[in-house]
């Protein structure tokens, strides 16, 4: 496949070898996360770029790692959480993914409820470090 076989149709769709695919990209400090047709790919960043919104490691923002449905929230506003504690479960294309706290702290805000549809990169909850 050459670069001529790839054509971006809009911000969330690409045509590869004549077939249309849905994708999302989220950049954080050390990783670029790419969701393509139901699969999530984590690409380590090797050099600093200014493309896309950056999220500082330890920022406390818990973002959706793929587009899908928020199945369950495991915490409520005001709850204390530990780093890497499960906060929510979401589903995309019959695949479940657990969202975890990036820092220890207190849940300052929950922006979605169970059953809501979220896009890749949406902030589901915010943890305030303590």
Protein backbone atom coordinates (compact mmCIF):
# COMPACT_ATOMS: atom_id res chain seq x y z
CA UNK A 1 0.00 0.00 0.00
CA UNK A 2 1.34 3.43 -0.88
CA UNK A 3 0.46 6.81 0.60
CA UNK A 4 -1.75 7.31 -2.46
CA UNK A 5 -4.05 4.55 -1.14
CA UNK A 6 -4.84 6.62 1.99
CA UNK A 7 -7.21 9.61 1.89
CA UNK A 8 -8.56 11.54 4.88
CA UNK A 9 -12.28 12.20 4.34
CA UNK A 10 -12.91 14.30 7.47
CA UNK A 11 -11.74 14.57 11.08
CA UNK A 12 -12.91 11.04 11.97
CA UNK A 13 -12.94 9.09 8.69
CA UNK A 14 -10.19 7.86 6.40
CA UNK A 15 -10.32 5.88 3.17
CA UNK A 16 -7.70 3.14 2.93
CA UNK A 17 -7.41 1.24 -0.36
CA UNK A 18 -10.94 2.31 -1.27
CA UNK A 19 -12.55 1.26 2.06
CA UNK A 20 -13.91 3.82 4.56
CA UNK A 21 -12.73 3.54 8.20
CA UNK A 22 -13.63 5.49 11.37
CA UNK A 23 -10.74 6.66 13.58
CA UNK A 24 -9.90 8.88 16.54
CA UNK A 25 -6.55 10.13 17.81
CA UNK A 26 -5.69 11.45 21.27
CA UNK A 27 -2.26 12.75 22.21
CA UNK A 28 -0.93 12.86 25.73
CA UNK A 29 2.52 13.58 27.02
CA UNK A 30 4.15 10.21 26.28
CA UNK A 31 1.71 8.34 24.05
CA UNK A 32 -0.50 8.81 21.04
CA UNK A 33 -3.65 6.70 21.25
CA UNK A 34 -5.26 5.72 17.94
CA UNK A 35 -8.66 4.05 17.74
CA UNK A 36 -9.35 2.49 14.32
CA UNK A 37 -12.36 0.31 13.57
CA UNK A 38 -12.82 -0.90 17.14
CA UNK A 39 -9.15 -1.49 17.98
CA UNK A 40 -7.08 0.78 20.20
CA UNK A 41 -3.38 1.27 19.47
CA UNK A 42 -0.94 2.91 21.89
CA UNK A 43 2.03 4.51 20.14
CA UNK A 44 4.87 5.76 22.36
CA UNK A 45 5.97 9.27 21.47
CA UNK A 46 9.67 9.53 20.75
CA UNK A 47 9.92 13.28 20.29
CA UNK A 48 8.02 16.32 21.44
CA UNK A 49 5.40 17.66 19.01
CA UNK A 50 2.77 20.37 19.19
CA UNK A 51 0.08 18.46 17.31
CA UNK A 52 -3.22 17.90 19.12
CA UNK A 53 -4.35 18.59 22.65
CA UNK A 54 -1.84 17.56 25.28
CA UNK A 55 -2.74 16.19 28.67
CA UNK A 56 -0.04 16.32 31.30
CA UNK A 57 0.72 13.06 33.02
CA UNK A 58 -0.82 13.28 36.46
CA UNK A 59 -3.30 15.95 35.36
CA UNK A 60 -6.14 14.01 36.94
CA UNK A 61 -8.25 13.97 33.77
CA UNK A 62 -9.63 10.54 32.96
CA UNK A 63 -10.32 10.41 29.23
CA UNK A 64 -12.20 7.89 27.12
CA UNK A 65 -9.68 5.72 25.27
CA UNK A 66 -12.16 4.92 22.49
CA UNK A 67 -15.56 6.05 21.30
CA UNK A 68 -18.35 4.04 22.85
CA UNK A 69 -20.85 3.67 25.66
CA UNK A 70 -20.06 4.31 29.32
CA UNK A 71 -21.27 1.10 30.97
CA UNK A 72 -20.47 1.71 34.63
CA UNK A 73 -19.04 4.35 36.94
CA UNK A 74 -17.23 2.82 39.90
CA UNK A 75 -16.76 6.08 41.82
CA UNK A 76 -18.79 9.15 42.73
CA UNK A 77 -17.85 12.80 43.17
CA UNK A 78 -16.04 13.20 46.48
CA UNK A 79 -14.68 9.63 46.60
CA UNK A 80 -10.99 9.09 47.34
CA UNK A 81 -9.12 7.05 44.71
CA UNK A 82 -5.68 5.52 44.43
CA UNK A 83 -3.48 5.80 41.35
CA UNK A 84 -4.42 3.09 38.80
CA UNK A 85 -7.75 2.42 40.57
CA UNK A 86 -10.60 1.47 38.22
CA UNK A 87 -12.95 4.43 37.80
CA UNK A 88 -15.26 3.43 34.92
CA UNK A 89 -15.93 0.73 32.35
CA UNK A 90 -16.83 1.53 28.77
CA UNK A 91 -17.71 -0.55 25.73
CA UNK A 92 -16.98 -0.11 22.05
CA UNK A 93 -17.83 -2.66 19.39
CA UNK A 94 -18.48 -5.35 22.08
CA UNK A 95 -15.05 -4.76 23.65
CA UNK A 96 -14.86 -3.49 27.23
CA UNK A 97 -12.17 -1.14 28.49
CA UNK A 98 -11.45 -0.01 32.06
CA UNK A 99 -10.61 3.63 32.69
CA UNK A 100 -8.25 4.13 35.63
CA UNK A 101 -7.18 7.05 37.80
CA UNK A 102 -3.90 8.57 36.60
CA UNK A 103 -3.21 10.02 40.07
CA UNK A 104 -4.26 9.41 43.65
CA UNK A 105 -6.73 11.96 44.95
CA UNK A 106 -10.39 12.87 45.29
CA UNK A 107 -12.96 12.68 42.49
CA UNK A 108 -13.66 16.36 41.81
CA UNK A 109 -16.03 15.94 38.89
CA UNK A 110 -17.84 13.29 36.85
CA UNK A 111 -18.95 14.59 33.45
CA UNK A 112 -20.95 11.60 32.15
CA UNK A 113 -23.33 9.00 33.56
CA UNK A 114 -23.70 5.29 32.88
CA UNK A 115 -25.36 4.76 29.50
CA UNK A 116 -23.95 7.94 27.93
CA UNK A 117 -22.12 7.77 24.61
CA UNK A 118 -18.63 9.23 24.70
CA UNK A 119 -16.12 10.09 22.02
CA UNK A 120 -12.46 9.16 22.22
CA UNK A 121 -10.68 11.80 24.29
CA UNK A 122 -13.77 13.02 26.18
CA UNK A 123 -12.99 13.78 29.82
CA UNK A 124 -15.15 11.33 31.79
CA UNK A 125 -13.96 12.36 35.26
CA UNK A 126 -11.46 14.65 36.95
CA UNK A 127 -9.33 13.59 39.92
CA UNK A 128 -8.00 16.35 42.17
CA UNK A 129 -4.62 15.24 43.56
CA UNK A 130 -4.35 15.41 47.36
